[in-house]
Amino acid sequence: MDEQRNGEGLEKEGKEEGQRKERCEEESVESLKKRLKEKEEELKELQERLLYLQADFENFKKLKMKEKQEILRFGNEVLMKELLPILDNLEMALDHASKTEDVQGLREGIRLTLNEFLKVLQKSGLSPIDALGKRFDPLFHEALWEEEREDLEPGTVVSEFQKGYVLNGRVIRPARVAVSRRPETTETR
């Protein structure tokens, strides 16, 4: 009998153990379903945030492109405003030239206007290339021809046909020059 009771007791314990396992599994499944639902909601939230960020980024790109176009269109506005008085002076010089025979006054006015123009350009970062008497440098000079010169080292700039200019350290137009070379000698026998 004891054996029977022990068998029944074991059977009962086995059933209880099975029921506990079932409850644990049910709780585990419920817990996993709950976590899955939370993760799905989190994923949905992250997807929405991503869409908003994408839209914000697209708007930012459009804004920056518009700003860039504005800079390209009006980037020279300050320079143009500084050049307007020079334009006015040139127009006055032309008007004055048609009304007078005073060539000296006209020449002086043009010289003053040229100096004003050069100051505005230098203020904007433009500087002339100093070429005369300098050693020829292909980075700054464009040789148009050579002149035979005994008094100078070969490769020295002897004349300038068109000034060259540098804008903020970058050559925007090389100086067009003539360069010295040694005279050709003919040997007599």
N, C-alpha and C. Protein backbone atom coordinates (compact mmCIF):
# COMPACT_ATOMS: atom_id res chain seq x y z
N MET A 1 0.78 -1.18 0.00
CA MET A 1 0.00 0.00 0.00
C MET A 1 0.83 1.26 0.00
N ASP A 2 1.80 1.12 0.77
CA ASP A 2 2.70 2.27 0.78
C ASP A 2 3.25 2.52 -0.61
N GLU A 3 3.46 1.41 -1.25
CA GLU A 3 3.98 1.56 -2.60
C GLU A 3 2.94 2.20 -3.49
N GLN A 4 1.71 1.83 -3.28
CA GLN A 4 0.64 2.40 -4.09
C GLN A 4 0.52 3.89 -3.79
N ARG A 5 0.58 4.22 -2.53
CA ARG A 5 0.50 5.64 -2.16
C ARG A 5 1.70 6.39 -2.72
N ASN A 6 2.83 5.76 -2.63
CA ASN A 6 4.02 6.41 -3.18
C ASN A 6 3.88 6.58 -4.69
N GLY A 7 3.32 5.59 -5.34
CA GLY A 7 3.10 5.67 -6.78
C GLY A 7 2.10 6.75 -7.11
N GLU A 8 1.04 6.81 -6.30
CA GLU A 8 0.02 7.85 -6.54
C GLU A 8 0.62 9.22 -6.23
N GLY A 9 1.41 9.26 -5.19
CA GLY A 9 2.05 10.53 -4.82
C GLY A 9 3.00 11.00 -5.91
N LEU A 10 3.72 10.06 -6.44
CA LEU A 10 4.64 10.41 -7.51
C LEU A 10 3.88 10.86 -8.75
N GLU A 11 2.77 10.14 -8.99
CA GLU A 11 1.95 10.50 -10.14
C GLU A 11 1.38 11.90 -9.96
N LYS A 12 0.92 12.16 -8.75
CA LYS A 12 0.35 13.48 -8.45
C LYS A 12 1.43 14.56 -8.59
N GLU A 13 2.59 14.26 -8.07
CA GLU A 13 3.70 15.21 -8.17
C GLU A 13 4.06 15.44 -9.64
N GLY A 14 4.04 14.37 -10.41
CA GLY A 14 4.34 14.49 -11.84
C GLY A 14 3.34 15.36 -12.54
N LYS A 15 2.04 15.18 -12.17
CA LYS A 15 1.00 16.02 -12.78
C LYS A 15 1.19 17.48 -12.39
N GLU A 16 1.48 17.67 -11.11
CA GLU A 16 1.69 19.05 -10.64
C GLU A 16 2.89 19.66 -11.34
N GLU A 17 3.92 18.87 -11.48
CA GLU A 17 5.13 19.36 -12.18
C GLU A 17 4.80 19.70 -13.63
N GLY A 18 4.02 18.88 -14.27
CA GLY A 18 3.61 19.14 -15.66
C GLY A 18 2.77 20.39 -15.75
N GLN A 19 1.88 20.55 -14.78
CA GLN A 19 1.04 21.76 -14.78
C GLN A 19 1.90 23.00 -14.55
N ARG A 20 2.87 22.90 -13.66
CA ARG A 20 3.78 24.04 -13.43
C ARG A 20 4.56 24.38 -14.70
N LYS A 21 5.02 23.34 -15.36
CA LYS A 21 5.75 23.55 -16.61
C LYS A 21 4.85 24.21 -17.64
N GLU A 22 3.62 23.76 -17.73
CA GLU A 22 2.67 24.36 -18.67
C GLU A 22 2.46 25.83 -18.36
N ARG A 23 2.26 26.11 -17.04
CA ARG A 23 2.06 27.52 -16.64
C ARG A 23 3.29 28.35 -16.98
N CYS A 24 4.46 27.79 -16.71
CA CYS A 24 5.72 28.51 -17.02
C CYS A 24 5.83 28.75 -18.52
N GLU A 25 5.49 27.73 -19.28
CA GLU A 25 5.55 27.87 -20.74
C GLU A 25 4.54 28.90 -21.21
N GLU A 26 3.33 28.86 -20.64
CA GLU A 26 2.30 29.84 -21.01
C GLU A 26 2.75 31.24 -20.63
N GLU A 27 3.31 31.37 -19.41
CA GLU A 27 3.82 32.68 -18.99
C GLU A 27 4.96 33.10 -19.89
N SER A 28 5.84 32.19 -20.24
CA SER A 28 6.97 32.48 -21.11
C SER A 28 6.47 32.92 -22.50
N VAL A 29 5.47 32.21 -23.04
CA VAL A 29 4.91 32.57 -24.34
C VAL A 29 4.27 33.94 -24.25
N GLU A 30 3.50 34.17 -23.17
CA GLU A 30 2.86 35.49 -22.99
C GLU A 30 3.91 36.58 -22.87
N SER A 31 4.95 36.29 -22.11
CA SER A 31 6.05 37.25 -21.94
C SER A 31 6.71 37.55 -23.28
N LEU A 32 6.97 36.51 -24.05
CA LEU A 32 7.59 36.69 -25.37
C LEU A 32 6.67 37.46 -26.31
N LYS A 33 5.37 37.18 -26.27
CA LYS A 33 4.42 37.92 -27.10
C LYS A 33 4.41 39.39 -26.72
N LYS A 34 4.45 39.64 -25.41
CA LYS A 34 4.46 41.03 -24.92
C LYS A 34 5.73 41.74 -25.38
N ARG A 35 6.87 41.06 -25.23
CA ARG A 35 8.14 41.66 -25.67
C ARG A 35 8.15 41.89 -27.18
N LEU A 36 7.60 40.93 -27.94
CA LEU A 36 7.52 41.07 -29.39
C LEU A 36 6.69 42.29 -29.76
N LYS A 37 5.56 42.45 -29.08
CA LYS A 37 4.68 43.58 -29.35
C LYS A 37 5.41 44.89 -29.04
N GLU A 38 6.13 44.92 -27.90
CA GLU A 38 6.90 46.12 -27.53
C GLU A 38 7.96 46.42 -28.58
N LYS A 39 8.64 45.40 -29.05
CA LYS A 39 9.70 45.59 -30.06
C LYS A 39 9.10 46.04 -31.39
N GLU A 40 7.94 45.51 -31.75
CA GLU A 40 7.28 45.95 -32.98
C GLU A 40 6.89 47.43 -32.88
N GLU A 41 6.37 47.83 -31.72
CA GLU A 41 6.02 49.24 -31.52
C GLU A 41 7.27 50.12 -31.57
N GLU A 42 8.35 49.65 -30.95
CA GLU A 42 9.62 50.38 -30.97
C GLU A 42 10.14 50.51 -32.39
N LEU A 43 10.04 49.41 -33.17
CA LEU A 43 10.48 49.43 -34.56
C LEU A 43 9.65 50.42 -35.37
N LYS A 44 8.35 50.42 -35.15
CA LYS A 44 7.46 51.34 -35.86
C LYS A 44 7.82 52.79 -35.53
N GLU A 45 8.09 53.04 -34.24
CA GLU A 45 8.48 54.37 -33.80
C GLU A 45 9.79 54.81 -34.47
N LEU A 46 10.75 53.88 -34.50
CA LEU A 46 12.05 54.18 -35.13
C LEU A 46 11.90 54.43 -36.63
N GLN A 47 11.02 53.66 -37.28
CA GLN A 47 10.79 53.87 -38.72
C GLN A 47 10.19 55.25 -38.97
N GLU A 48 9.26 55.65 -38.12
CA GLU A 48 8.66 56.99 -38.27
C GLU A 48 9.72 58.07 -38.07
N ARG A 49 10.55 57.89 -37.03
CA ARG A 49 11.63 58.86 -36.79
C ARG A 49 12.57 58.94 -37.99
N LEU A 50 12.87 57.76 -38.55
CA LEU A 50 13.75 57.72 -39.72
C LEU A 50 13.12 58.49 -40.89
N LEU A 51 11.84 58.30 -41.11
CA LEU A 51 11.16 59.02 -42.19
C LEU A 51 11.20 60.52 -41.95
N TYR A 52 10.97 60.96 -40.71
CA TYR A 52 11.04 62.38 -40.39
C TYR A 52 12.45 62.92 -40.61
N LEU A 53 13.45 62.14 -40.16
CA LEU A 53 14.83 62.58 -40.35
C LEU A 53 15.19 62.65 -41.83
N GLN A 54 14.71 61.69 -42.59
CA GLN A 54 14.96 61.70 -44.04
C GLN A 54 14.35 62.94 -44.67
N ALA A 55 13.13 63.26 -44.28
CA ALA A 55 12.45 64.44 -44.82
C ALA A 55 13.20 65.71 -44.39
N ASP A 56 13.63 65.76 -43.12
CA ASP A 56 14.40 66.92 -42.65
C ASP A 56 15.70 67.06 -43.44
N PHE A 57 16.36 65.93 -43.69
CA PHE A 57 17.61 65.98 -44.43
C PHE A 57 17.38 66.45 -45.87
N GLU A 58 16.33 65.98 -46.50
CA GLU A 58 16.01 66.43 -47.86
C GLU A 58 15.74 67.93 -47.88
N ASN A 59 15.00 68.41 -46.88
CA ASN A 59 14.72 69.85 -46.78
C ASN A 59 16.01 70.62 -46.56
N PHE A 60 16.90 70.08 -45.73
CA PHE A 60 18.20 70.72 -45.47
C PHE A 60 19.02 70.80 -46.76
N LYS A 61 19.04 69.70 -47.53
CA LYS A 61 19.79 69.70 -48.80
C LYS A 61 19.23 70.75 -49.75
N LYS A 62 17.91 70.85 -49.84
CA LYS A 62 17.28 71.84 -50.72
C LYS A 62 17.63 73.25 -50.28
N LEU A 63 17.61 73.49 -48.96
CA LEU A 63 17.95 74.81 -48.43
C LEU A 63 19.40 75.16 -48.74
N LYS A 64 20.30 74.21 -48.55
CA LYS A 64 21.72 74.47 -48.82
C LYS A 64 21.96 74.70 -50.32
N MET A 65 21.26 73.98 -51.17
CA MET A 65 21.39 74.18 -52.62
C MET A 65 20.90 75.58 -52.99
N LYS A 66 19.79 76.00 -52.39
CA LYS A 66 19.26 77.33 -52.66
C LYS A 66 20.25 78.40 -52.19
N GLU A 67 20.83 78.20 -50.99
CA GLU A 67 21.82 79.15 -50.48
C GLU A 67 23.03 79.21 -51.40
N LYS A 68 23.47 78.05 -51.89
CA LYS A 68 24.62 78.00 -52.79
C LYS A 68 24.33 78.78 -54.07
N GLN A 69 23.13 78.59 -54.62
CA GLN A 69 22.75 79.31 -55.83
C GLN A 69 22.71 80.81 -55.57
N GLU A 70 22.23 81.21 -54.40
CA GLU A 70 22.19 82.63 -54.04
C GLU A 70 23.61 83.19 -53.94
N ILE A 71 24.50 82.41 -53.34
CA ILE A 71 25.89 82.86 -53.22
C ILE A 71 26.51 83.02 -54.60
N LEU A 72 26.24 82.07 -55.48
CA LEU A 72 26.79 82.18 -56.83
C LEU A 72 26.22 83.38 -57.58
N ARG A 73 24.93 83.63 -57.39
CA ARG A 73 24.29 84.75 -58.09
C ARG A 73 24.71 86.11 -57.54
N PHE A 74 24.86 86.19 -56.20
CA PHE A 74 25.10 87.49 -55.60
C PHE A 74 26.42 87.57 -54.83
N GLY A 75 27.31 86.59 -55.04
CA GLY A 75 28.58 86.56 -54.33
C GLY A 75 29.48 87.74 -54.64
N ASN A 76 29.33 88.32 -55.81
CA ASN A 76 30.15 89.45 -56.22
C ASN A 76 29.51 90.79 -55.90
N GLU A 77 28.44 90.78 -55.15
CA GLU A 77 27.69 92.02 -54.88
C GLU A 77 28.58 93.08 -54.23
N VAL A 78 29.38 92.70 -53.24
CA VAL A 78 30.25 93.67 -52.56
C VAL A 78 31.24 94.27 -53.55
N LEU A 79 31.84 93.41 -54.37
CA LEU A 79 32.80 93.90 -55.38
C LEU A 79 32.11 94.83 -56.37
N MET A 80 30.92 94.45 -56.82
CA MET A 80 30.20 95.29 -57.79
C MET A 80 29.89 96.67 -57.19
N LYS A 81 29.49 96.70 -55.93
CA LYS A 81 29.19 97.99 -55.28
C LYS A 81 30.44 98.86 -55.20
N GLU A 82 31.60 98.23 -54.98
CA GLU A 82 32.84 98.99 -54.92
C GLU A 82 33.28 99.46 -56.30
N LEU A 83 32.87 98.77 -57.36
CA LEU A 83 33.24 99.16 -58.72
C LEU A 83 32.32 100.25 -59.29
N LEU A 84 31.14 100.40 -58.74
CA LEU A 84 30.20 101.39 -59.27
C LEU A 84 30.75 102.82 -59.27
N PRO A 85 31.43 103.29 -58.22
CA PRO A 85 32.00 104.64 -58.30
C PRO A 85 33.03 104.79 -59.43
N ILE A 86 33.75 103.73 -59.72
CA ILE A 86 34.72 103.77 -60.82
C ILE A 86 33.98 103.89 -62.14
N LEU A 87 32.91 103.16 -62.28
CA LEU A 87 32.08 103.26 -63.47
C LEU A 87 31.55 104.68 -63.62
N ASP A 88 31.09 105.26 -62.51
CA ASP A 88 30.61 106.65 -62.54
C ASP A 88 31.71 107.59 -63.00
N ASN A 89 32.93 107.40 -62.47
CA ASN A 89 34.06 108.27 -62.86
C ASN A 89 34.39 108.13 -64.34
N LEU A 90 34.34 106.91 -64.86
CA LEU A 90 34.61 106.72 -66.30
C LEU A 90 33.54 107.40 -67.15
N GLU A 91 32.30 107.30 -66.73
CA GLU A 91 31.22 107.97 -67.46
C GLU A 91 31.39 109.49 -67.42
N MET A 92 31.79 110.02 -66.26
CA MET A 92 32.04 111.47 -66.17
C MET A 92 33.22 111.88 -67.04
N ALA A 93 34.26 111.02 -67.10
CA ALA A 93 35.43 111.32 -67.93
C ALA A 93 35.03 111.39 -69.40
N LEU A 94 34.20 110.46 -69.85
CA LEU A 94 33.74 110.49 -71.24
C LEU A 94 32.91 111.74 -71.51
N ASP A 95 32.04 112.08 -70.59
CA ASP A 95 31.22 113.28 -70.73
C ASP A 95 32.11 114.52 -70.79
N HIS A 96 33.11 114.56 -69.90
CA HIS A 96 34.04 115.69 -69.85
C HIS A 96 34.86 115.77 -71.15
N ALA A 97 35.27 114.62 -71.68
CA ALA A 97 36.09 114.59 -72.90
C ALA A 97 35.33 115.14 -74.09
N SER A 98 34.01 114.96 -74.13
CA SER A 98 33.23 115.47 -75.26
C SER A 98 32.99 116.97 -75.16
N LYS A 99 33.23 117.56 -73.99
CA LYS A 99 32.95 118.99 -73.79
C LYS A 99 34.20 119.85 -73.70
N THR A 100 35.38 119.25 -73.69
CA THR A 100 36.59 120.05 -73.50
C THR A 100 37.73 119.55 -74.38
N GLU A 101 38.71 120.41 -74.50
CA GLU A 101 39.93 120.08 -75.24
C GLU A 101 41.07 119.82 -74.26
N ASP A 102 40.78 119.86 -72.98
CA ASP A 102 41.79 119.71 -71.94
C ASP A 102 42.23 118.25 -71.83
N VAL A 103 43.21 117.87 -72.63
CA VAL A 103 43.71 116.50 -72.66
C VAL A 103 44.44 116.15 -71.36
N GLN A 104 45.18 117.11 -70.83
CA GLN A 104 45.93 116.86 -69.59
C GLN A 104 44.99 116.55 -68.43
N GLY A 105 43.91 117.31 -68.30
CA GLY A 105 42.93 117.07 -67.23
C GLY A 105 42.27 115.71 -67.40
N LEU A 106 41.95 115.38 -68.64
CA LEU A 106 41.33 114.08 -68.94
C LEU A 106 42.29 112.95 -68.58
N ARG A 107 43.57 113.11 -68.96
CA ARG A 107 44.59 112.11 -68.66
C ARG A 107 44.71 111.91 -67.15
N GLU A 108 44.73 113.00 -66.40
CA GLU A 108 44.84 112.93 -64.93
C GLU A 108 43.61 112.24 -64.33
N GLY A 109 42.44 112.54 -64.84
CA GLY A 109 41.22 111.90 -64.36
C GLY A 109 41.23 110.40 -64.61
N ILE A 110 41.70 110.00 -65.78
CA ILE A 110 41.77 108.57 -66.12
C ILE A 110 42.81 107.88 -65.22
N ARG A 111 43.93 108.54 -64.96
CA ARG A 111 44.95 107.96 -64.08
C ARG A 111 44.40 107.76 -62.67
N LEU A 112 43.68 108.75 -62.15
CA LEU A 112 43.08 108.64 -60.82
C LEU A 112 42.04 107.50 -60.77
N THR A 113 41.25 107.40 -61.84
CA THR A 113 40.24 106.34 -61.92
C THR A 113 40.91 104.97 -61.97
N LEU A 114 41.98 104.85 -62.74
CA LEU A 114 42.72 103.60 -62.82
C LEU A 114 43.28 103.22 -61.44
N ASN A 115 43.85 104.17 -60.73
CA ASN A 115 44.37 103.88 -59.38
C ASN A 115 43.26 103.43 -58.44
N GLU A 116 42.10 104.08 -58.53
CA GLU A 116 40.96 103.69 -57.70
C GLU A 116 40.52 102.26 -58.05
N PHE A 117 40.50 101.96 -59.33
CA PHE A 117 40.13 100.63 -59.80
C PHE A 117 41.11 99.58 -59.27
N LEU A 118 42.41 99.86 -59.35
CA LEU A 118 43.43 98.93 -58.86
C LEU A 118 43.31 98.70 -57.36
N LYS A 119 42.97 99.74 -56.60
CA LYS A 119 42.80 99.60 -55.15
C LYS A 119 41.63 98.65 -54.84
N VAL A 120 40.54 98.79 -55.57
CA VAL A 120 39.38 97.91 -55.35
C VAL A 120 39.76 96.47 -55.66
N LEU A 121 40.48 96.27 -56.76
CA LEU A 121 40.89 94.91 -57.13
C LEU A 121 41.85 94.31 -56.10
N GLN A 122 42.80 95.12 -55.63
CA GLN A 122 43.74 94.62 -54.62
C GLN A 122 43.01 94.29 -53.32
N LYS A 123 42.03 95.10 -52.96
CA LYS A 123 41.23 94.84 -51.76
C LYS A 123 40.48 93.52 -51.88
N SER A 124 40.16 93.14 -53.10
CA SER A 124 39.44 91.88 -53.35
C SER A 124 40.39 90.70 -53.54
N GLY A 125 41.69 90.90 -53.36
CA GLY A 125 42.64 89.80 -53.42
C GLY A 125 43.41 89.68 -54.73
N LEU A 126 43.23 90.63 -55.63
CA LEU A 126 43.93 90.58 -56.92
C LEU A 126 45.23 91.37 -56.81
N SER A 127 46.31 90.77 -57.31
CA SER A 127 47.58 91.50 -57.33
C SER A 127 48.28 91.22 -58.65
N PRO A 128 48.99 92.23 -59.17
CA PRO A 128 49.70 92.04 -60.45
C PRO A 128 50.94 91.18 -60.25
N ILE A 129 51.33 90.51 -61.31
CA ILE A 129 52.56 89.72 -61.30
C ILE A 129 53.69 90.64 -61.72
N ASP A 130 54.71 90.73 -60.87
CA ASP A 130 55.88 91.56 -61.17
C ASP A 130 56.79 90.75 -62.09
N ALA A 131 56.92 91.17 -63.35
CA ALA A 131 57.62 90.33 -64.32
C ALA A 131 58.93 90.94 -64.82
N LEU A 132 58.95 92.23 -65.11
CA LEU A 132 60.13 92.85 -65.73
C LEU A 132 61.39 92.65 -64.90
N GLY A 133 62.44 92.17 -65.57
CA GLY A 133 63.73 91.97 -64.92
C GLY A 133 63.80 90.71 -64.07
N LYS A 134 62.71 89.99 -63.97
CA LYS A 134 62.68 88.76 -63.16
C LYS A 134 63.06 87.56 -64.02
N ARG A 135 63.44 86.50 -63.35
CA ARG A 135 63.74 85.24 -64.04
C ARG A 135 62.43 84.67 -64.56
N PHE A 136 62.41 84.17 -65.79
CA PHE A 136 61.21 83.59 -66.38
C PHE A 136 60.74 82.41 -65.53
N ASP A 137 59.46 82.42 -65.19
CA ASP A 137 58.84 81.34 -64.41
C ASP A 137 57.56 80.94 -65.13
N PRO A 138 57.51 79.73 -65.69
CA PRO A 138 56.33 79.31 -66.46
C PRO A 138 55.05 79.25 -65.62
N LEU A 139 55.17 79.28 -64.30
CA LEU A 139 53.97 79.31 -63.46
C LEU A 139 53.32 80.69 -63.46
N PHE A 140 54.13 81.73 -63.74
CA PHE A 140 53.63 83.11 -63.70
C PHE A 140 53.74 83.85 -65.03
N HIS A 141 54.54 83.32 -65.95
CA HIS A 141 54.79 84.02 -67.21
C HIS A 141 54.49 83.13 -68.41
N GLU A 142 54.08 83.78 -69.50
CA GLU A 142 53.90 83.11 -70.78
C GLU A 142 54.83 83.79 -71.77
N ALA A 143 55.82 83.06 -72.24
CA ALA A 143 56.80 83.65 -73.16
C ALA A 143 56.23 83.70 -74.57
N LEU A 144 56.21 84.91 -75.15
CA LEU A 144 55.73 85.05 -76.52
C LEU A 144 56.87 84.91 -77.51
N TRP A 145 58.05 85.41 -77.14
CA TRP A 145 59.25 85.23 -77.96
C TRP A 145 60.48 85.53 -77.14
N GLU A 146 61.62 85.32 -77.78
CA GLU A 146 62.90 85.57 -77.13
C GLU A 146 63.61 86.71 -77.85
N GLU A 147 64.35 87.46 -77.06
CA GLU A 147 65.17 88.54 -77.62
C GLU A 147 66.63 88.25 -77.29
N GLU A 148 67.48 88.46 -78.28
CA GLU A 148 68.91 88.28 -78.03
C GLU A 148 69.41 89.47 -77.22
N ARG A 149 70.01 89.16 -76.07
CA ARG A 149 70.52 90.22 -75.19
C ARG A 149 71.84 89.75 -74.58
N GLU A 150 72.87 90.56 -74.76
CA GLU A 150 74.17 90.25 -74.16
C GLU A 150 74.25 90.75 -72.71
N ASP A 151 73.47 91.79 -72.41
CA ASP A 151 73.58 92.43 -71.10
C ASP A 151 72.78 91.72 -70.00
N LEU A 152 72.01 90.69 -70.35
CA LEU A 152 71.18 89.99 -69.36
C LEU A 152 71.42 88.49 -69.39
N GLU A 153 71.17 87.87 -68.26
CA GLU A 153 71.23 86.41 -68.19
C GLU A 153 70.14 85.83 -69.06
N PRO A 154 70.38 84.70 -69.70
CA PRO A 154 69.32 84.06 -70.47
C PRO A 154 68.15 83.69 -69.54
N GLY A 155 66.93 83.85 -70.06
CA GLY A 155 65.74 83.52 -69.28
C GLY A 155 65.23 84.66 -68.41
N THR A 156 65.73 85.88 -68.67
CA THR A 156 65.27 87.05 -67.91
C THR A 156 64.15 87.72 -68.72
N VAL A 157 63.11 88.16 -68.03
CA VAL A 157 62.00 88.84 -68.71
C VAL A 157 62.47 90.24 -69.09
N VAL A 158 62.43 90.54 -70.40
CA VAL A 158 62.92 91.84 -70.88
C VAL A 158 61.79 92.81 -71.21
N SER A 159 60.62 92.32 -71.52
CA SER A 159 59.49 93.22 -71.75
C SER A 159 58.18 92.48 -71.45
N GLU A 160 57.17 93.28 -71.15
CA GLU A 160 55.87 92.72 -70.78
C GLU A 160 54.83 93.28 -71.74
N PHE A 161 54.09 92.38 -72.38
CA PHE A 161 53.08 92.80 -73.35
C PHE A 161 51.69 92.85 -72.72
N GLN A 162 51.49 92.03 -71.71
CA GLN A 162 50.21 92.02 -71.01
C GLN A 162 50.48 91.61 -69.57
N LYS A 163 49.99 92.42 -68.65
CA LYS A 163 50.19 92.12 -67.24
C LYS A 163 49.49 90.82 -66.85
N GLY A 164 50.12 90.13 -65.92
CA GLY A 164 49.52 88.93 -65.36
C GLY A 164 48.98 89.25 -63.98
N TYR A 165 48.05 88.43 -63.50
CA TYR A 165 47.44 88.69 -62.20
C TYR A 165 47.27 87.41 -61.41
N VAL A 166 47.36 87.58 -60.09
CA VAL A 166 47.17 86.50 -59.12
C VAL A 166 45.98 86.89 -58.25
N LEU A 167 45.04 85.95 -58.07
CA LEU A 167 43.88 86.18 -57.21
C LEU A 167 44.00 85.26 -56.00
N ASN A 168 44.22 85.88 -54.85
CA ASN A 168 44.38 85.13 -53.59
C ASN A 168 45.35 83.96 -53.71
N GLY A 169 46.48 84.23 -54.35
CA GLY A 169 47.54 83.22 -54.46
C GLY A 169 47.45 82.32 -55.69
N ARG A 170 46.39 82.43 -56.48
CA ARG A 170 46.23 81.59 -57.67
C ARG A 170 46.37 82.46 -58.92
N VAL A 171 47.21 82.02 -59.85
CA VAL A 171 47.39 82.75 -61.11
C VAL A 171 46.10 82.63 -61.91
N ILE A 172 45.51 83.79 -62.23
CA ILE A 172 44.31 83.75 -63.07
C ILE A 172 44.63 84.18 -64.50
N ARG A 173 45.78 84.87 -64.66
CA ARG A 173 46.28 85.17 -66.00
C ARG A 173 47.78 85.38 -65.90
N PRO A 174 48.56 84.56 -66.62
CA PRO A 174 50.01 84.76 -66.58
C PRO A 174 50.40 86.02 -67.36
N ALA A 175 51.53 86.59 -66.97
CA ALA A 175 52.05 87.76 -67.69
C ALA A 175 52.58 87.28 -69.05
N ARG A 176 52.24 88.01 -70.10
CA ARG A 176 52.74 87.67 -71.44
C ARG A 176 54.00 88.50 -71.67
N VAL A 177 55.11 87.80 -71.89
CA VAL A 177 56.42 88.46 -71.85
C VAL A 177 57.34 88.03 -72.99
N ALA A 178 58.42 88.81 -73.14
CA ALA A 178 59.55 88.43 -73.99
C ALA A 178 60.70 88.10 -73.05
N VAL A 179 61.48 87.08 -73.43
CA VAL A 179 62.54 86.57 -72.56
C VAL A 179 63.88 86.70 -73.28
N SER A 180 64.92 86.99 -72.49
CA SER A 180 66.25 87.15 -73.09
C SER A 180 66.88 85.78 -73.38
N ARG A 181 67.75 85.82 -74.40
CA ARG A 181 68.58 84.65 -74.69
C ARG A 181 69.92 85.17 -75.18
N ARG A 182 70.90 84.32 -75.13
CA ARG A 182 72.24 84.70 -75.59
C ARG A 182 72.22 84.88 -77.11
N PRO A 183 72.97 85.88 -77.60
CA PRO A 183 73.04 86.04 -79.06
C PRO A 183 73.77 84.84 -79.69
N GLU A 184 73.30 84.51 -80.85
CA GLU A 184 73.97 83.42 -81.57
C GLU A 184 75.28 83.97 -82.12
N THR A 185 76.33 83.21 -81.94
CA THR A 185 77.64 83.65 -82.41
C THR A 185 78.00 82.84 -83.65
N THR A 186 78.57 83.55 -84.61
CA THR A 186 79.04 82.87 -85.82
C THR A 186 80.54 82.89 -85.77
N GLU A 187 81.13 81.73 -85.93
CA GLU A 187 82.58 81.64 -85.86
C GLU A 187 83.14 81.82 -87.26
N THR A 188 84.15 82.64 -87.34
CA THR A 188 84.82 82.88 -88.64
C THR A 188 86.13 82.14 -88.63
N ARG A 189 86.51 81.56 -89.75
CA ARG A 189 87.76 80.80 -89.85
C ARG A 189 88.70 81.47 -90.77
